[in-house]
Amino acid sequence: MSGTEQIERRFIRHPAGIPLDCSREGRSDIRKECMRDISLGGIAFFSHMHFDAGDQL
């Protein structure tokens, strides 16, 4: 994407430094992570674990 192209977002993102516990559904390996932002479309967070598309968290 060039510098002149813009992507219009569907939802406004709100910054959020909220701590959260994260694990795959049915697993007990819970990690402490930190939410980056939240919107009507969902949440964004950084994780030290790798997740594949479709994983249930």
C-alpha atoms as a PDB file:
ATOM      1  CA  MET A   1       0.000   0.000   0.000  1.00  0.00           C
ATOM      2  CA  SER A   2       1.413   3.377  -0.933  1.00  0.00           C
ATOM      3  CA  GLY A   3       1.515   6.370   1.380  1.00  0.00           C
ATOM      4  CA  THR A   4      -1.320   8.048  -0.537  1.00  0.00           C
ATOM      5  CA  GLU A   5      -3.794   5.200  -0.074  1.00  0.00           C
ATOM      6  CA  GLN A   6      -6.083   5.322   2.943  1.00  0.00           C
ATOM      7  CA  ILE A   7      -8.082   2.544   4.531  1.00  0.00           C
ATOM      8  CA  GLU A   8     -11.431   3.518   6.000  1.00  0.00           C
ATOM      9  CA  ARG A   9     -12.126   1.652   9.219  1.00  0.00           C
ATOM     10  CA  ARG A  10     -15.595   0.280   9.907  1.00  0.00           C
ATOM     11  CA  PHE A  11     -15.322   0.795  13.668  1.00  0.00           C
ATOM     12  CA  ILE A  12     -13.660   3.443  15.784  1.00  0.00           C
ATOM     13  CA  ARG A  13     -10.848   1.994  17.891  1.00  0.00           C
ATOM     14  CA  HIS A  14     -10.486   3.051  21.508  1.00  0.00           C
ATOM     15  CA  PRO A  15      -7.090   2.657  23.198  1.00  0.00           C
ATOM     16  CA  ALA A  16      -7.220   0.334  26.191  1.00  0.00           C
ATOM     17  CA  GLY A  17      -4.347  -0.847  28.360  1.00  0.00           C
ATOM     18  CA  ILE A  18      -6.527  -3.410  30.135  1.00  0.00           C
ATOM     19  CA  PRO A  19      -4.871  -6.621  31.370  1.00  0.00           C
ATOM     20  CA  LEU A  20      -6.466  -9.884  30.245  1.00  0.00           C
ATOM     21  CA  ASP A  21      -5.986 -13.632  30.641  1.00  0.00           C
ATOM     22  CA  CYS A  22      -5.752 -15.479  27.339  1.00  0.00           C
ATOM     23  CA  SER A  23      -5.775 -19.166  26.368  1.00  0.00           C
ATOM     24  CA  ARG A  24      -7.126 -21.437  23.657  1.00  0.00           C
ATOM     25  CA  GLU A  25     -10.566 -22.852  24.353  1.00  0.00           C
ATOM     26  CA  GLY A  26     -10.337 -26.069  26.354  1.00  0.00           C
ATOM     27  CA  ARG A  27      -6.695 -25.498  27.379  1.00  0.00           C
ATOM     28  CA  SER A  28      -5.385 -24.553  30.798  1.00  0.00           C
ATOM     29  CA  ASP A  29      -2.243 -22.667  29.675  1.00  0.00           C
ATOM     30  CA  ILE A  30      -3.397 -19.147  30.556  1.00  0.00           C
ATOM     31  CA  ARG A  31      -1.161 -16.200  29.625  1.00  0.00           C
ATOM     32  CA  LYS A  32      -1.310 -12.689  31.034  1.00  0.00           C
ATOM     33  CA  GLU A  33      -1.555 -10.265  28.108  1.00  0.00           C
ATOM     34  CA  CYS A  34      -2.477  -6.599  27.636  1.00  0.00           C
ATOM     35  CA  MET A  35      -5.289  -5.326  25.436  1.00  0.00           C
ATOM     36  CA  ARG A  36      -4.172  -2.703  22.912  1.00  0.00           C
ATOM     37  CA  ASP A  37      -7.529  -1.372  21.758  1.00  0.00           C
ATOM     38  CA  ILE A  38     -11.224  -2.211  21.608  1.00  0.00           C
ATOM     39  CA  SER A  39     -14.047  -1.478  19.147  1.00  0.00           C
ATOM     40  CA  LEU A  40     -17.430  -2.851  18.128  1.00  0.00           C
ATOM     41  CA  GLY A  41     -15.470  -5.175  15.816  1.00  0.00           C
ATOM     42  CA  GLY A  42     -13.553  -6.793  18.679  1.00  0.00           C
ATOM     43  CA  ILE A  43     -10.336  -6.343  20.611  1.00  0.00           C
ATOM     44  CA  ALA A  44      -6.699  -6.121  19.604  1.00  0.00           C
ATOM     45  CA  PHE A  45      -3.959  -7.377  21.894  1.00  0.00           C
ATOM     46  CA  PHE A  46      -0.345  -8.460  21.761  1.00  0.00           C
ATOM     47  CA  SER A  47       0.399 -12.050  22.712  1.00  0.00           C
ATOM     48  CA  HIS A  48       3.488 -14.132  23.340  1.00  0.00           C
ATOM     49  CA  MET A  49       1.527 -17.162  22.065  1.00  0.00           C
ATOM     50  CA  HIS A  50       0.910 -17.951  18.392  1.00  0.00           C
ATOM     51  CA  PHE A  51      -2.727 -18.309  17.352  1.00  0.00           C
ATOM     52  CA  ASP A  52      -3.979 -19.589  14.013  1.00  0.00           C
ATOM     53  CA  ALA A  53      -6.948 -18.106  12.186  1.00  0.00           C
ATOM     54  CA  GLY A  54     -10.100 -19.702  13.583  1.00  0.00           C
ATOM     55  CA  ASP A  55      -8.644 -20.535  17.010  1.00  0.00           C
ATOM     56  CA  GLN A  56     -11.224 -20.112  19.768  1.00  0.00           C
ATOM     57  CA  LEU A  57      -9.800 -18.074  22.628  1.00  0.00           C
END
